[in-house]
């Protein structure tokens, strides 16, 4: 009877080049690359989207998730942690990225876009009246008479 329960010892094996030859090198290289790309993306998008608060929040969530997941993965590779730590970090990180991008932020982005659309509509409707473009004369105070 050779089942998955007989292979649980692989989870308690150190994550290094000897034990996980096919997985180790691509893991640390991809982690380092995605970490650098995440930081560059954050800086580029932060300048580009400085006026859109919801997109800045999304960008910041993605940055901190990127830093947490990929720095942990690099640390696990560097120090040879057991695979029982590496696997949940990879799976949990992927699930967190998916949750942030496709579940948590779409309703917030939709509400933000609706609010912007309402603001644009009211700005257009205000300018469409001729009286809205004419400044009212400042009411001057009646001058006091000297006695």
N, C-alpha and C. Protein backbone atom coordinates (compact mmCIF):
# COMPACT_ATOMS: atom_id res chain seq x y z
N UNK A 1 0.85 -1.18 0.00
CA UNK A 1 0.00 0.00 0.00
C UNK A 1 0.89 1.24 0.00
N UNK A 2 1.02 1.79 -1.17
CA UNK A 2 1.85 2.97 -1.32
C UNK A 2 0.94 4.16 -1.58
N UNK A 3 0.62 4.92 -0.58
CA UNK A 3 -0.27 6.07 -0.71
C UNK A 3 0.46 7.35 -0.39
N UNK A 4 -0.25 8.47 -0.49
CA UNK A 4 0.37 9.77 -0.24
C UNK A 4 0.84 9.92 1.20
N UNK A 5 0.25 9.20 2.13
CA UNK A 5 0.66 9.31 3.52
C UNK A 5 2.05 8.73 3.75
N UNK A 6 2.52 7.90 2.83
CA UNK A 6 3.87 7.34 2.97
C UNK A 6 4.93 8.30 2.45
N UNK A 7 4.53 9.38 1.82
CA UNK A 7 5.47 10.36 1.28
C UNK A 7 5.44 11.67 2.06
N UNK A 8 4.96 11.64 3.28
CA UNK A 8 4.90 12.86 4.10
C UNK A 8 6.28 13.31 4.53
N UNK A 9 7.27 12.43 4.46
CA UNK A 9 8.62 12.80 4.88
C UNK A 9 9.24 13.83 3.94
N UNK A 10 8.71 13.97 2.73
CA UNK A 10 9.24 14.98 1.81
C UNK A 10 8.96 16.39 2.32
N UNK A 11 7.89 16.56 3.10
CA UNK A 11 7.58 17.87 3.67
C UNK A 11 8.58 18.27 4.74
N UNK A 12 9.21 17.29 5.37
CA UNK A 12 10.18 17.57 6.42
C UNK A 12 11.61 17.53 5.91
N UNK A 13 11.77 17.60 4.60
CA UNK A 13 13.09 17.61 3.97
C UNK A 13 13.48 19.05 3.71
N UNK A 14 14.74 19.38 3.94
CA UNK A 14 15.23 20.74 3.72
C UNK A 14 15.12 21.14 2.25
N UNK A 15 14.70 22.36 2.01
CA UNK A 15 14.55 22.86 0.64
C UNK A 15 15.89 23.40 0.18
N UNK A 16 16.65 22.57 -0.51
CA UNK A 16 17.96 22.96 -1.03
C UNK A 16 18.18 22.31 -2.39
N UNK A 17 19.33 22.59 -2.98
CA UNK A 17 19.62 22.12 -4.33
C UNK A 17 19.80 20.60 -4.39
N UNK A 18 20.22 20.00 -3.30
CA UNK A 18 20.44 18.55 -3.28
C UNK A 18 19.11 17.80 -3.24
N UNK A 19 18.21 18.22 -2.36
CA UNK A 19 16.94 17.51 -2.18
C UNK A 19 15.90 17.84 -3.24
N UNK A 20 15.91 19.06 -3.74
CA UNK A 20 14.92 19.51 -4.73
C UNK A 20 15.64 20.13 -5.92
N UNK A 21 16.40 19.32 -6.61
CA UNK A 21 17.26 19.82 -7.68
C UNK A 21 16.47 20.52 -8.79
N UNK A 22 15.37 19.97 -9.22
CA UNK A 22 14.61 20.54 -10.34
C UNK A 22 13.80 21.77 -9.94
N UNK A 23 13.53 21.94 -8.65
CA UNK A 23 12.65 23.01 -8.18
C UNK A 23 13.40 24.17 -7.52
N UNK A 24 14.56 23.89 -6.96
CA UNK A 24 15.26 24.87 -6.13
C UNK A 24 15.74 26.09 -6.91
N UNK A 25 16.51 25.88 -7.95
CA UNK A 25 17.09 27.01 -8.71
C UNK A 25 16.02 27.87 -9.38
N UNK A 26 15.05 27.29 -10.08
CA UNK A 26 14.01 28.17 -10.66
C UNK A 26 13.21 28.92 -9.59
N UNK A 27 13.05 28.33 -8.41
CA UNK A 27 12.29 28.99 -7.35
C UNK A 27 12.99 30.25 -6.86
N UNK A 28 14.28 30.15 -6.52
CA UNK A 28 14.94 31.34 -6.00
C UNK A 28 15.17 32.37 -7.10
N UNK A 29 15.42 31.93 -8.33
CA UNK A 29 15.62 32.90 -9.42
C UNK A 29 14.32 33.64 -9.73
N UNK A 30 13.23 32.91 -9.80
CA UNK A 30 11.94 33.53 -10.08
C UNK A 30 11.50 34.44 -8.93
N UNK A 31 11.79 34.03 -7.70
CA UNK A 31 11.45 34.87 -6.54
C UNK A 31 12.21 36.19 -6.59
N UNK A 32 13.50 36.13 -6.89
CA UNK A 32 14.30 37.36 -6.96
C UNK A 32 13.82 38.24 -8.11
N UNK A 33 13.55 37.65 -9.25
CA UNK A 33 13.10 38.42 -10.41
C UNK A 33 11.74 39.07 -10.14
N UNK A 34 10.79 38.32 -9.60
CA UNK A 34 9.46 38.88 -9.33
C UNK A 34 9.50 39.93 -8.23
N UNK A 35 10.41 39.80 -7.30
CA UNK A 35 10.56 40.81 -6.26
C UNK A 35 11.04 42.13 -6.86
N UNK A 36 12.03 42.06 -7.73
CA UNK A 36 12.54 43.28 -8.39
C UNK A 36 11.46 43.88 -9.29
N UNK A 37 10.77 43.04 -10.05
CA UNK A 37 9.71 43.54 -10.93
C UNK A 37 8.57 44.17 -10.12
N UNK A 38 8.23 43.58 -8.99
CA UNK A 38 7.17 44.13 -8.14
C UNK A 38 7.52 45.51 -7.61
N UNK A 39 8.76 45.70 -7.18
CA UNK A 39 9.18 47.01 -6.67
C UNK A 39 9.23 48.04 -7.79
N UNK A 40 9.75 47.66 -8.95
CA UNK A 40 9.78 48.58 -10.09
C UNK A 40 8.37 48.95 -10.54
N UNK A 41 7.49 47.96 -10.59
CA UNK A 41 6.10 48.20 -10.98
C UNK A 41 5.42 49.16 -9.99
N UNK A 42 5.67 48.97 -8.70
CA UNK A 42 5.08 49.84 -7.69
C UNK A 42 5.54 51.28 -7.89
N UNK A 43 6.84 51.48 -8.11
CA UNK A 43 7.35 52.83 -8.30
C UNK A 43 6.81 53.48 -9.56
N UNK A 44 6.77 52.74 -10.65
CA UNK A 44 6.26 53.28 -11.91
C UNK A 44 4.77 53.61 -11.80
N UNK A 45 3.99 52.68 -11.29
CA UNK A 45 2.54 52.90 -11.18
C UNK A 45 2.21 53.97 -10.15
N UNK A 46 3.01 54.07 -9.10
CA UNK A 46 2.75 55.08 -8.08
C UNK A 46 2.83 56.49 -8.63
N UNK A 47 3.78 56.72 -9.51
CA UNK A 47 3.89 58.04 -10.14
C UNK A 47 2.77 58.27 -11.15
N UNK A 48 2.43 57.21 -11.85
CA UNK A 48 1.44 57.33 -12.92
C UNK A 48 0.02 57.52 -12.37
N UNK A 49 -0.29 56.85 -11.28
CA UNK A 49 -1.66 56.84 -10.76
C UNK A 49 -1.80 57.62 -9.46
N UNK A 50 -0.99 58.66 -9.26
CA UNK A 50 -1.00 59.36 -7.98
C UNK A 50 -2.34 60.01 -7.67
N UNK A 51 -3.17 60.26 -8.64
CA UNK A 51 -4.45 60.93 -8.41
C UNK A 51 -5.60 59.94 -8.16
N UNK A 52 -5.37 58.66 -8.30
CA UNK A 52 -6.44 57.66 -8.18
C UNK A 52 -6.19 56.80 -6.95
N UNK A 53 -6.87 57.12 -5.87
CA UNK A 53 -6.58 56.51 -4.58
C UNK A 53 -6.82 55.00 -4.55
N UNK A 54 -7.86 54.53 -5.18
CA UNK A 54 -8.17 53.09 -5.14
C UNK A 54 -7.08 52.29 -5.85
N UNK A 55 -6.61 52.80 -6.97
CA UNK A 55 -5.57 52.09 -7.70
C UNK A 55 -4.24 52.14 -6.95
N UNK A 56 -3.99 53.22 -6.21
CA UNK A 56 -2.80 53.27 -5.37
C UNK A 56 -2.89 52.25 -4.24
N UNK A 57 -4.09 52.10 -3.67
CA UNK A 57 -4.27 51.09 -2.62
C UNK A 57 -4.04 49.68 -3.16
N UNK A 58 -4.59 49.40 -4.33
CA UNK A 58 -4.37 48.10 -4.97
C UNK A 58 -2.89 47.86 -5.21
N UNK A 59 -2.22 48.87 -5.71
CA UNK A 59 -0.79 48.77 -5.99
C UNK A 59 0.00 48.52 -4.71
N UNK A 60 -0.39 49.17 -3.62
CA UNK A 60 0.33 48.97 -2.36
C UNK A 60 0.08 47.58 -1.78
N UNK A 61 -1.15 47.10 -1.87
CA UNK A 61 -1.44 45.74 -1.42
C UNK A 61 -0.61 44.73 -2.19
N UNK A 62 -0.52 44.93 -3.51
CA UNK A 62 0.26 44.01 -4.33
C UNK A 62 1.75 44.10 -3.99
N UNK A 63 2.24 45.30 -3.69
CA UNK A 63 3.65 45.44 -3.31
C UNK A 63 3.96 44.68 -2.04
N UNK A 64 3.16 44.88 -1.01
CA UNK A 64 3.47 44.24 0.27
C UNK A 64 3.28 42.73 0.20
N UNK A 65 2.33 42.28 -0.59
CA UNK A 65 2.19 40.84 -0.79
C UNK A 65 3.39 40.29 -1.54
N UNK A 66 3.84 41.01 -2.55
CA UNK A 66 5.03 40.60 -3.30
C UNK A 66 6.25 40.52 -2.39
N UNK A 67 6.42 41.54 -1.60
CA UNK A 67 7.59 41.54 -0.71
C UNK A 67 7.52 40.42 0.32
N UNK A 68 6.35 40.23 0.89
CA UNK A 68 6.22 39.17 1.89
C UNK A 68 6.46 37.79 1.32
N UNK A 69 5.79 37.48 0.24
CA UNK A 69 5.87 36.13 -0.33
C UNK A 69 7.26 35.85 -0.89
N UNK A 70 7.78 36.76 -1.69
CA UNK A 70 9.03 36.46 -2.37
C UNK A 70 10.25 36.63 -1.47
N UNK A 71 10.19 37.53 -0.49
CA UNK A 71 11.30 37.59 0.47
C UNK A 71 11.31 36.35 1.36
N UNK A 72 10.14 35.88 1.77
CA UNK A 72 10.08 34.63 2.53
C UNK A 72 10.62 33.46 1.72
N UNK A 73 10.23 33.39 0.46
CA UNK A 73 10.69 32.29 -0.39
C UNK A 73 12.20 32.35 -0.57
N UNK A 74 12.75 33.54 -0.77
CA UNK A 74 14.20 33.68 -0.87
C UNK A 74 14.89 33.28 0.43
N UNK A 75 14.30 33.65 1.55
CA UNK A 75 14.88 33.26 2.85
C UNK A 75 14.84 31.75 3.03
N UNK A 76 13.73 31.13 2.64
CA UNK A 76 13.64 29.67 2.74
C UNK A 76 14.70 29.00 1.89
N UNK A 77 14.93 29.53 0.69
CA UNK A 77 15.96 28.95 -0.19
C UNK A 77 17.35 29.15 0.38
N UNK A 78 17.61 30.33 0.88
CA UNK A 78 18.94 30.65 1.39
C UNK A 78 19.30 29.81 2.62
N UNK A 79 18.38 29.63 3.52
CA UNK A 79 18.67 28.94 4.77
C UNK A 79 18.24 27.47 4.78
N UNK A 80 17.67 26.97 3.69
CA UNK A 80 17.32 25.56 3.60
C UNK A 80 16.22 25.12 4.55
N UNK A 81 15.17 25.92 4.67
CA UNK A 81 14.04 25.56 5.51
C UNK A 81 13.39 24.27 4.99
N UNK A 82 12.64 23.62 5.85
CA UNK A 82 11.91 22.43 5.42
C UNK A 82 10.85 22.81 4.39
N UNK A 83 10.55 21.87 3.52
CA UNK A 83 9.58 22.11 2.45
C UNK A 83 8.18 22.38 2.99
N UNK A 84 7.92 22.00 4.22
CA UNK A 84 6.61 22.23 4.84
C UNK A 84 6.35 23.73 5.02
N UNK A 85 7.40 24.55 5.03
CA UNK A 85 7.23 26.00 5.09
C UNK A 85 7.14 26.62 3.70
N UNK A 86 7.88 26.04 2.76
CA UNK A 86 7.95 26.60 1.41
C UNK A 86 6.63 26.43 0.67
N UNK A 87 6.09 25.24 0.71
CA UNK A 87 4.87 24.95 -0.04
C UNK A 87 3.68 25.82 0.36
N UNK A 88 3.36 25.95 1.66
CA UNK A 88 2.24 26.83 2.02
C UNK A 88 2.48 28.30 1.67
N UNK A 89 3.73 28.72 1.72
CA UNK A 89 4.02 30.11 1.35
C UNK A 89 3.74 30.34 -0.13
N UNK A 90 4.14 29.40 -0.96
CA UNK A 90 3.89 29.54 -2.40
C UNK A 90 2.39 29.48 -2.71
N UNK A 91 1.71 28.51 -2.17
CA UNK A 91 0.27 28.35 -2.43
C UNK A 91 -0.53 29.49 -1.81
N UNK A 92 -0.20 29.82 -0.56
CA UNK A 92 -0.90 30.92 0.11
C UNK A 92 -0.65 32.26 -0.57
N UNK A 93 0.58 32.49 -1.02
CA UNK A 93 0.89 33.72 -1.74
C UNK A 93 0.11 33.83 -3.03
N UNK A 94 0.04 32.74 -3.78
CA UNK A 94 -0.72 32.74 -5.03
C UNK A 94 -2.20 33.01 -4.75
N UNK A 95 -2.74 32.38 -3.71
CA UNK A 95 -4.14 32.60 -3.34
C UNK A 95 -4.37 34.05 -2.91
N UNK A 96 -3.42 34.62 -2.19
CA UNK A 96 -3.55 36.01 -1.75
C UNK A 96 -3.51 36.97 -2.93
N UNK A 97 -2.62 36.74 -3.88
CA UNK A 97 -2.58 37.57 -5.08
C UNK A 97 -3.92 37.51 -5.83
N UNK A 98 -4.45 36.33 -5.98
CA UNK A 98 -5.72 36.16 -6.68
C UNK A 98 -6.85 36.85 -5.92
N UNK A 99 -6.87 36.70 -4.60
CA UNK A 99 -7.91 37.32 -3.79
C UNK A 99 -7.85 38.85 -3.89
N UNK A 100 -6.64 39.40 -3.79
CA UNK A 100 -6.50 40.86 -3.86
C UNK A 100 -6.99 41.39 -5.20
N UNK A 101 -6.51 40.79 -6.29
CA UNK A 101 -6.77 41.33 -7.61
C UNK A 101 -8.18 41.05 -8.13
N UNK A 102 -8.73 39.89 -7.82
CA UNK A 102 -9.99 39.50 -8.44
C UNK A 102 -11.19 39.46 -7.50
N UNK A 103 -10.98 39.55 -6.19
CA UNK A 103 -12.12 39.49 -5.27
C UNK A 103 -12.24 40.76 -4.44
N UNK A 104 -11.15 41.18 -3.80
CA UNK A 104 -11.22 42.31 -2.88
C UNK A 104 -11.37 43.66 -3.58
N UNK A 105 -10.57 43.93 -4.59
CA UNK A 105 -10.54 45.26 -5.18
C UNK A 105 -11.55 45.54 -6.29
N UNK A 106 -12.05 44.58 -7.06
CA UNK A 106 -13.02 44.95 -8.11
C UNK A 106 -14.25 45.72 -7.63
N UNK A 107 -14.88 45.37 -6.49
CA UNK A 107 -16.01 46.20 -6.05
C UNK A 107 -15.58 47.62 -5.66
N UNK A 108 -14.40 47.75 -5.07
CA UNK A 108 -13.92 49.08 -4.70
C UNK A 108 -13.61 49.92 -5.94
N UNK A 109 -13.04 49.29 -6.95
CA UNK A 109 -12.74 50.00 -8.19
C UNK A 109 -14.03 50.41 -8.90
N UNK A 110 -15.01 49.53 -8.90
CA UNK A 110 -16.29 49.86 -9.54
C UNK A 110 -16.97 51.02 -8.83
N UNK A 111 -16.98 51.02 -7.50
CA UNK A 111 -17.59 52.12 -6.76
C UNK A 111 -16.84 53.43 -7.01
N UNK A 112 -15.53 53.35 -7.10
CA UNK A 112 -14.72 54.54 -7.37
C UNK A 112 -15.01 55.09 -8.76
N UNK A 113 -15.12 54.21 -9.74
CA UNK A 113 -15.42 54.66 -11.11
C UNK A 113 -16.82 55.26 -11.20
N UNK A 114 -17.78 54.70 -10.47
CA UNK A 114 -19.13 55.28 -10.45
C UNK A 114 -19.13 56.66 -9.82
N UNK A 115 -18.35 56.82 -8.75
CA UNK A 115 -18.25 58.13 -8.10
C UNK A 115 -17.63 59.16 -9.05
N UNK A 116 -16.59 58.76 -9.77
CA UNK A 116 -15.98 59.67 -10.75
C UNK A 116 -16.95 60.02 -11.86
N UNK A 117 -17.74 59.05 -12.32
CA UNK A 117 -18.73 59.31 -13.37
C UNK A 117 -19.78 60.30 -12.88
N UNK A 118 -20.23 60.15 -11.63
CA UNK A 118 -21.21 61.10 -11.07
C UNK A 118 -20.61 62.51 -10.99
N UNK A 119 -19.35 62.59 -10.56
CA UNK A 119 -18.71 63.90 -10.47
C UNK A 119 -18.61 64.55 -11.85
N UNK A 120 -18.23 63.77 -12.86
CA UNK A 120 -18.13 64.32 -14.22
C UNK A 120 -19.51 64.77 -14.72
N UNK A 121 -20.54 63.99 -14.43
CA UNK A 121 -21.89 64.34 -14.86
C UNK A 121 -22.32 65.66 -14.24
N UNK A 122 -22.13 65.81 -12.93
CA UNK A 122 -22.55 67.03 -12.27
C UNK A 122 -21.72 68.22 -12.71
N UNK A 123 -20.45 68.03 -13.02
CA UNK A 123 -19.64 69.13 -13.52
C UNK A 123 -20.14 69.59 -14.89
N UNK A 124 -20.50 68.62 -15.74
CA UNK A 124 -21.01 68.97 -17.07
C UNK A 124 -22.37 69.67 -16.95
N UNK A 125 -23.23 69.18 -16.08
CA UNK A 125 -24.56 69.78 -15.96
C UNK A 125 -24.48 71.18 -15.36
N UNK A 126 -23.52 71.44 -14.53
CA UNK A 126 -23.37 72.76 -13.94
C UNK A 126 -22.88 73.76 -14.99
N UNK A 127 -21.97 73.35 -15.86
CA UNK A 127 -21.41 74.25 -16.85
C UNK A 127 -22.38 74.48 -17.99
N UNK A 128 -23.33 73.60 -18.21
CA UNK A 128 -24.23 73.73 -19.35
C UNK A 128 -25.19 74.90 -19.21
N UNK A 129 -25.41 75.42 -18.02
CA UNK A 129 -26.29 76.57 -17.84
C UNK A 129 -25.48 77.85 -18.06
N UNK A 130 -25.99 78.75 -18.85
CA UNK A 130 -25.23 79.99 -19.11
C UNK A 130 -24.97 80.79 -17.84
N UNK A 131 -25.90 80.74 -16.91
CA UNK A 131 -25.74 81.51 -15.67
C UNK A 131 -24.55 80.99 -14.84
N UNK A 132 -24.20 79.72 -15.06
CA UNK A 132 -23.12 79.13 -14.27
C UNK A 132 -21.76 79.68 -14.67
N UNK A 133 -21.66 80.23 -15.89
CA UNK A 133 -20.38 80.76 -16.34
C UNK A 133 -20.22 82.24 -16.04
N UNK A 134 -21.30 82.88 -15.64
CA UNK A 134 -21.27 84.32 -15.35
C UNK A 134 -21.07 84.50 -13.86
N UNK A 135 -20.07 85.27 -13.52
CA UNK A 135 -19.82 85.53 -12.11
C UNK A 135 -20.81 86.57 -11.60
N UNK A 136 -21.27 86.30 -10.42
CA UNK A 136 -22.16 87.27 -9.80
C UNK A 136 -21.33 88.44 -9.31
N UNK A 137 -21.91 89.61 -9.36
CA UNK A 137 -21.19 90.79 -8.87
C UNK A 137 -21.06 90.67 -7.36
N UNK A 138 -19.93 91.07 -6.92
CA UNK A 138 -19.72 91.05 -5.48
C UNK A 138 -20.60 92.13 -4.87
N UNK A 139 -21.29 91.75 -3.85
CA UNK A 139 -22.17 92.73 -3.21
C UNK A 139 -21.30 93.68 -2.39
N UNK A 140 -21.43 94.93 -2.72
CA UNK A 140 -20.63 95.92 -2.00
C UNK A 140 -21.40 96.37 -0.76
N UNK A 141 -20.66 96.61 0.26
CA UNK A 141 -21.29 97.07 1.49
C UNK A 141 -21.72 98.51 1.31
N UNK A 142 -22.85 98.83 1.84
CA UNK A 142 -23.25 100.25 1.74
C UNK A 142 -22.27 101.11 2.52
N UNK A 143 -21.89 102.20 1.90
CA UNK A 143 -20.92 103.08 2.56
C UNK A 143 -21.62 103.83 3.69
N UNK A 144 -20.87 103.95 4.75
CA UNK A 144 -21.41 104.67 5.89
C UNK A 144 -21.30 106.17 5.67
N UNK A 145 -22.30 106.84 6.04
CA UNK A 145 -22.27 108.29 5.93
C UNK A 145 -21.61 108.89 7.16
N UNK A 146 -20.88 109.86 6.90
CA UNK A 146 -20.31 110.59 8.03
C UNK A 146 -21.28 111.65 8.49
N UNK A 147 -21.30 111.86 9.71
CA UNK A 147 -22.20 112.88 10.25
C UNK A 147 -21.48 114.14 10.51
